[in-house]
Amino acid sequence: MNPNPATSAECQIEFVKICCDVAQLNLTSFFEDSGFLTPIDLEIDDYGKEQFTITQSQID
């Protein structure tokens, strides 16, 4: 685990990992169905502009 993710996208990936660890379950399909584990590369302008990138390799 990464205690200090550098980006919001990395925080999202860490959130998924932590949820799985805490629940002691593989919640991958839940997060895939909810869109959390979908590759994305988009500039988001919400409280300031930030590049939000999640790659397939991060998901795997």
PDB file of N, CA and C in Angstrom:
ATOM      1  N   MET A   1       0.831  -1.187   0.000  1.00  0.00           N
ATOM      2  CA  MET A   1       0.000   0.000   0.000  1.00  0.00           C
ATOM      3  C   MET A   1       0.872   1.246   0.000  1.00  0.00           C
ATOM      4  N   ASN A   2       0.304   2.289  -0.538  1.00  0.00           N
ATOM      5  CA  ASN A   2       0.996   3.571  -0.590  1.00  0.00           C
ATOM      6  C   ASN A   2       0.328   4.509   0.418  1.00  0.00           C
ATOM      7  N   PRO A   3       0.996   4.843   1.524  1.00  0.00           N
ATOM      8  CA  PRO A   3       0.366   5.691   2.544  1.00  0.00           C
ATOM      9  C   PRO A   3       0.167   7.140   2.103  1.00  0.00           C
ATOM     10  N   ASN A   4       0.878   7.571   1.066  1.00  0.00           N
ATOM     11  CA  ASN A   4       0.776   8.958   0.602  1.00  0.00           C
ATOM     12  C   ASN A   4       0.635   9.015  -0.920  1.00  0.00           C
ATOM     13  N   PRO A   5      -0.527   8.649  -1.444  1.00  0.00           N
ATOM     14  CA  PRO A   5      -0.702   8.709  -2.900  1.00  0.00           C
ATOM     15  C   PRO A   5      -0.511  10.135  -3.412  1.00  0.00           C
ATOM     16  N   ALA A   6       0.139  10.256  -4.556  1.00  0.00           N
ATOM     17  CA  ALA A   6       0.481  11.575  -5.093  1.00  0.00           C
ATOM     18  C   ALA A   6      -0.676  12.247  -5.825  1.00  0.00           C
ATOM     19  N   THR A   7      -1.605  11.464  -6.351  1.00  0.00           N
ATOM     20  CA  THR A   7      -2.697  12.037  -7.136  1.00  0.00           C
ATOM     21  C   THR A   7      -4.043  11.503  -6.650  1.00  0.00           C
ATOM     22  N   SER A   8      -5.098  12.158  -7.082  1.00  0.00           N
ATOM     23  CA  SER A   8      -6.447  11.693  -6.741  1.00  0.00           C
ATOM     24  C   SER A   8      -6.717  10.314  -7.328  1.00  0.00           C
ATOM     25  N   ALA A   9      -6.198  10.066  -8.513  1.00  0.00           N
ATOM     26  CA  ALA A   9      -6.381   8.753  -9.138  1.00  0.00           C
ATOM     27  C   ALA A   9      -5.697   7.663  -8.309  1.00  0.00           C
ATOM     28  N   GLU A  10      -4.498   7.939  -7.820  1.00  0.00           N
ATOM     29  CA  GLU A  10      -3.802   6.971  -6.967  1.00  0.00           C
ATOM     30  C   GLU A  10      -4.553   6.775  -5.660  1.00  0.00           C
ATOM     31  N   CYS A  11      -5.159   7.832  -5.138  1.00  0.00           N
ATOM     32  CA  CYS A  11      -5.988   7.707  -3.928  1.00  0.00           C
ATOM     33  C   CYS A  11      -7.153   6.764  -4.183  1.00  0.00           C
ATOM     34  N   GLN A  12      -7.747   6.860  -5.362  1.00  0.00           N
ATOM     35  CA  GLN A  12      -8.879   5.991  -5.690  1.00  0.00           C
ATOM     36  C   GLN A  12      -8.443   4.529  -5.731  1.00  0.00           C
ATOM     37  N   ILE A  13      -7.292   4.252  -6.323  1.00  0.00           N
ATOM     38  CA  ILE A  13      -6.772   2.879  -6.374  1.00  0.00           C
ATOM     39  C   ILE A  13      -6.462   2.388  -4.964  1.00  0.00           C
ATOM     40  N   GLU A  14      -5.859   3.220  -4.138  1.00  0.00           N
ATOM     41  CA  GLU A  14      -5.551   2.842  -2.756  1.00  0.00           C
ATOM     42  C   GLU A  14      -6.829   2.572  -1.961  1.00  0.00           C
ATOM     43  N   PHE A  15      -7.873   3.356  -2.201  1.00  0.00           N
ATOM     44  CA  PHE A  15      -9.152   3.150  -1.528  1.00  0.00           C
ATOM     45  C   PHE A  15      -9.683   1.747  -1.813  1.00  0.00           C
ATOM     46  N   VAL A  16      -9.602   1.329  -3.063  1.00  0.00           N
ATOM     47  CA  VAL A  16     -10.059  -0.014  -3.439  1.00  0.00           C
ATOM     48  C   VAL A  16      -9.252  -1.070  -2.695  1.00  0.00           C
ATOM     49  N   LYS A  17      -7.937  -0.914  -2.668  1.00  0.00           N
ATOM     50  CA  LYS A  17      -7.071  -1.880  -1.975  1.00  0.00           C
ATOM     51  C   LYS A  17      -7.397  -1.947  -0.487  1.00  0.00           C
ATOM     52  N   ILE A  18      -7.575  -0.801   0.133  1.00  0.00           N
ATOM     53  CA  ILE A  18      -7.870  -0.754   1.571  1.00  0.00           C
ATOM     54  C   ILE A  18      -9.217  -1.410   1.860  1.00  0.00           C
ATOM     55  N   CYS A  19     -10.217  -1.124   1.038  1.00  0.00           N
ATOM     56  CA  CYS A  19     -11.538  -1.746   1.239  1.00  0.00           C
ATOM     57  C   CYS A  19     -11.447  -3.264   1.159  1.00  0.00           C
ATOM     58  N   CYS A  20     -10.708  -3.770   0.199  1.00  0.00           N
ATOM     59  CA  CYS A  20     -10.538  -5.221   0.060  1.00  0.00           C
ATOM     60  C   CYS A  20      -9.811  -5.796   1.271  1.00  0.00           C
ATOM     61  N   ASP A  21      -8.782  -5.108   1.731  1.00  0.00           N
ATOM     62  CA  ASP A  21      -8.029  -5.576   2.898  1.00  0.00           C
ATOM     63  C   ASP A  21      -8.891  -5.588   4.150  1.00  0.00           C
ATOM     64  N   VAL A  22      -9.628  -4.523   4.389  1.00  0.00           N
ATOM     65  CA  VAL A  22     -10.456  -4.416   5.589  1.00  0.00           C
ATOM     66  C   VAL A  22     -11.571  -5.458   5.572  1.00  0.00           C
ATOM     67  N   ALA A  23     -12.203  -5.624   4.418  1.00  0.00           N
ATOM     68  CA  ALA A  23     -13.304  -6.583   4.306  1.00  0.00           C
ATOM     69  C   ALA A  23     -12.803  -8.019   4.219  1.00  0.00           C
ATOM     70  N   GLN A  24     -11.523  -8.184   3.941  1.00  0.00           N
ATOM     71  CA  GLN A  24     -10.926  -9.494   3.704  1.00  0.00           C
ATOM     72  C   GLN A  24     -11.697 -10.240   2.616  1.00  0.00           C
ATOM     73  N   LEU A  25     -12.071  -9.473   1.590  1.00  0.00           N
ATOM     74  CA  LEU A  25     -12.800  -9.996   0.441  1.00  0.00           C
ATOM     75  C   LEU A  25     -12.226  -9.393  -0.830  1.00  0.00           C
ATOM     76  N   ASN A  26     -12.400 -10.097  -1.930  1.00  0.00           N
ATOM     77  CA  ASN A  26     -12.041  -9.544  -3.225  1.00  0.00           C
ATOM     78  C   ASN A  26     -13.252  -8.769  -3.735  1.00  0.00           C
ATOM     79  N   LEU A  27     -13.197  -7.464  -3.636  1.00  0.00           N
ATOM     80  CA  LEU A  27     -14.303  -6.603  -4.039  1.00  0.00           C
ATOM     81  C   LEU A  27     -14.114  -6.046  -5.449  1.00  0.00           C
ATOM     82  N   THR A  28     -13.230  -6.668  -6.211  1.00  0.00           N
ATOM     83  CA  THR A  28     -12.898  -6.176  -7.547  1.00  0.00           C
ATOM     84  C   THR A  28     -14.132  -6.022  -8.419  1.00  0.00           C
ATOM     85  N   SER A  29     -14.989  -7.035  -8.464  1.00  0.00           N
ATOM     86  CA  SER A  29     -16.162  -6.952  -9.345  1.00  0.00           C
ATOM     87  C   SER A  29     -17.097  -5.820  -8.917  1.00  0.00           C
ATOM     88  N   PHE A  30     -17.230  -5.587  -7.615  1.00  0.00           N
ATOM     89  CA  PHE A  30     -18.051  -4.472  -7.132  1.00  0.00           C
ATOM     90  C   PHE A  30     -17.507  -3.147  -7.652  1.00  0.00           C
ATOM     91  N   PHE A  31     -16.188  -2.953  -7.523  1.00  0.00           N
ATOM     92  CA  PHE A  31     -15.592  -1.690  -7.955  1.00  0.00           C
ATOM     93  C   PHE A  31     -15.572  -1.564  -9.480  1.00  0.00           C
ATOM     94  N   GLU A  32     -15.453  -2.689 -10.197  1.00  0.00           N
ATOM     95  CA  GLU A  32     -15.555  -2.634 -11.658  1.00  0.00           C
ATOM     96  C   GLU A  32     -16.960  -2.207 -12.071  1.00  0.00           C
ATOM     97  N   ASP A  33     -17.971  -2.809 -11.443  1.00  0.00           N
ATOM     98  CA  ASP A  33     -19.362  -2.474 -11.767  1.00  0.00           C
ATOM     99  C   ASP A  33     -19.691  -1.017 -11.442  1.00  0.00           C
ATOM    100  N   SER A  34     -19.060  -0.477 -10.402  1.00  0.00           N
ATOM    101  CA  SER A  34     -19.340   0.906 -10.009  1.00  0.00           C
ATOM    102  C   SER A  34     -18.511   1.918 -10.804  1.00  0.00           C
ATOM    103  N   GLY A  35     -17.598   1.442 -11.653  1.00  0.00           N
ATOM    104  CA  GLY A  35     -16.797   2.331 -12.484  1.00  0.00           C
ATOM    105  C   GLY A  35     -15.492   2.782 -11.857  1.00  0.00           C
ATOM    106  N   PHE A  36     -15.219   2.338 -10.636  1.00  0.00           N
ATOM    107  CA  PHE A  36     -13.972   2.728  -9.970  1.00  0.00           C
ATOM    108  C   PHE A  36     -12.755   2.144 -10.673  1.00  0.00           C
ATOM    109  N   LEU A  37     -12.889   0.971 -11.228  1.00  0.00           N
ATOM    110  CA  LEU A  37     -11.758   0.303 -11.868  1.00  0.00           C
ATOM    111  C   LEU A  37     -11.931   0.329 -13.383  1.00  0.00           C
ATOM    112  N   THR A  38     -11.956   1.530 -13.917  1.00  0.00           N
ATOM    113  CA  THR A  38     -12.070   1.755 -15.352  1.00  0.00           C
ATOM    114  C   THR A  38     -10.920   2.656 -15.773  1.00  0.00           C
ATOM    115  N   PRO A  39     -10.160   2.244 -16.794  1.00  0.00           N
ATOM    116  CA  PRO A  39      -9.083   3.129 -17.254  1.00  0.00           C
ATOM    117  C   PRO A  39      -9.649   4.482 -17.683  1.00  0.00           C
ATOM    118  N   ILE A  40      -8.936   5.538 -17.310  1.00  0.00           N
ATOM    119  CA  ILE A  40      -9.385   6.899 -17.628  1.00  0.00           C
ATOM    120  C   ILE A  40      -8.161   7.809 -17.737  1.00  0.00           C
ATOM    121  N   ASP A  41      -8.252   8.771 -18.616  1.00  0.00           N
ATOM    122  CA  ASP A  41      -7.216   9.802 -18.742  1.00  0.00           C
ATOM    123  C   ASP A  41      -7.945  11.087 -19.121  1.00  0.00           C
ATOM    124  N   LEU A  42      -8.245  11.898 -18.114  1.00  0.00           N
ATOM    125  CA  LEU A  42      -9.135  13.031 -18.296  1.00  0.00           C
ATOM    126  C   LEU A  42      -8.714  14.179 -17.391  1.00  0.00           C
ATOM    127  N   GLU A  43      -8.805  15.397 -17.903  1.00  0.00           N
ATOM    128  CA  GLU A  43      -8.582  16.563 -17.049  1.00  0.00           C
ATOM    129  C   GLU A  43      -9.908  16.916 -16.377  1.00  0.00           C
ATOM    130  N   ILE A  44      -9.899  16.950 -15.064  1.00  0.00           N
ATOM    131  CA  ILE A  44     -11.104  17.242 -14.297  1.00  0.00           C
ATOM    132  C   ILE A  44     -10.953  18.624 -13.672  1.00  0.00           C
ATOM    133  N   ASP A  45     -11.981  19.443 -13.835  1.00  0.00           N
ATOM    134  CA  ASP A  45     -11.970  20.799 -13.287  1.00  0.00           C
ATOM    135  C   ASP A  45     -13.000  20.863 -12.165  1.00  0.00           C
ATOM    136  N   ASP A  46     -12.573  20.454 -10.988  1.00  0.00           N
ATOM    137  CA  ASP A  46     -13.430  20.442  -9.807  1.00  0.00           C
ATOM    138  C   ASP A  46     -12.568  20.904  -8.640  1.00  0.00           C
ATOM    139  N   TYR A  47     -12.797  22.093  -8.151  1.00  0.00           N
ATOM    140  CA  TYR A  47     -11.929  22.716  -7.141  1.00  0.00           C
ATOM    141  C   TYR A  47     -10.515  22.884  -7.680  1.00  0.00           C
ATOM    142  N   GLY A  48     -10.390  23.137  -8.962  1.00  0.00           N
ATOM    143  CA  GLY A  48      -9.105  23.290  -9.621  1.00  0.00           C
ATOM    144  C   GLY A  48      -8.895  22.167 -10.621  1.00  0.00           C
ATOM    145  N   LYS A  49      -8.110  22.451 -11.640  1.00  0.00           N
ATOM    146  CA  LYS A  49      -7.870  21.458 -12.687  1.00  0.00           C
ATOM    147  C   LYS A  49      -6.831  20.445 -12.238  1.00  0.00           C
ATOM    148  N   GLU A  50      -7.109  19.185 -12.567  1.00  0.00           N
ATOM    149  CA  GLU A  50      -6.169  18.104 -12.259  1.00  0.00           C
ATOM    150  C   GLU A  50      -6.323  17.018 -13.310  1.00  0.00           C
ATOM    151  N   GLN A  51      -5.190  16.492 -13.748  1.00  0.00           N
ATOM    152  CA  GLN A  51      -5.219  15.355 -14.660  1.00  0.00           C
ATOM    153  C   GLN A  51      -5.533  14.108 -13.846  1.00  0.00           C
ATOM    154  N   PHE A  52      -6.548  13.368 -14.251  1.00  0.00           N
ATOM    155  CA  PHE A  52      -6.984  12.165 -13.536  1.00  0.00           C
ATOM    156  C   PHE A  52      -6.721  10.988 -14.454  1.00  0.00           C
ATOM    157  N   THR A  53      -5.723  10.180 -14.112  1.00  0.00           N
ATOM    158  CA  THR A  53      -5.317   9.074 -14.969  1.00  0.00           C
ATOM    159  C   THR A  53      -5.247   7.788 -14.164  1.00  0.00           C
ATOM    160  N   ILE A  54      -5.999   6.806 -14.616  1.00  0.00           N
ATOM    161  CA  ILE A  54      -5.907   5.448 -14.085  1.00  0.00           C
ATOM    162  C   ILE A  54      -5.664   4.543 -15.285  1.00  0.00           C
ATOM    163  N   THR A  55      -4.560   3.817 -15.259  1.00  0.00           N
ATOM    164  CA  THR A  55      -4.205   2.942 -16.370  1.00  0.00           C
ATOM    165  C   THR A  55      -4.653   1.513 -16.088  1.00  0.00           C
ATOM    166  N   GLN A  56      -4.713   0.722 -17.151  1.00  0.00           N
ATOM    167  CA  GLN A  56      -5.080  -0.682 -16.985  1.00  0.00           C
ATOM    168  C   GLN A  56      -4.050  -1.405 -16.119  1.00  0.00           C
ATOM    169  N   SER A  57      -2.784  -1.032 -16.229  1.00  0.00           N
ATOM    170  CA  SER A  57      -1.755  -1.687 -15.404  1.00  0.00           C
ATOM    171  C   SER A  57      -1.944  -1.384 -13.921  1.00  0.00           C
ATOM    172  N   GLN A  58      -2.445  -0.203 -13.574  1.00  0.00           N
ATOM    173  CA  GLN A  58      -2.744   0.098 -12.171  1.00  0.00           C
ATOM    174  C   GLN A  58      -3.903  -0.763 -11.679  1.00  0.00           C
ATOM    175  N   ILE A  59      -4.874  -0.993 -12.536  1.00  0.00           N
ATOM    176  CA  ILE A  59      -6.038  -1.790 -12.168  1.00  0.00           C
ATOM    177  C   ILE A  59      -5.649  -3.247 -11.973  1.00  0.00           C
ATOM    178  N   ASP A  60      -4.804  -3.751 -12.872  1.00  0.00           N
ATOM    179  CA  ASP A  60      -4.385  -5.156 -12.790  1.00  0.00           C
ATOM    180  C   ASP A  60      -3.559  -5.377 -11.544  1.00  0.00           C
TER     181      ASP A  60
END
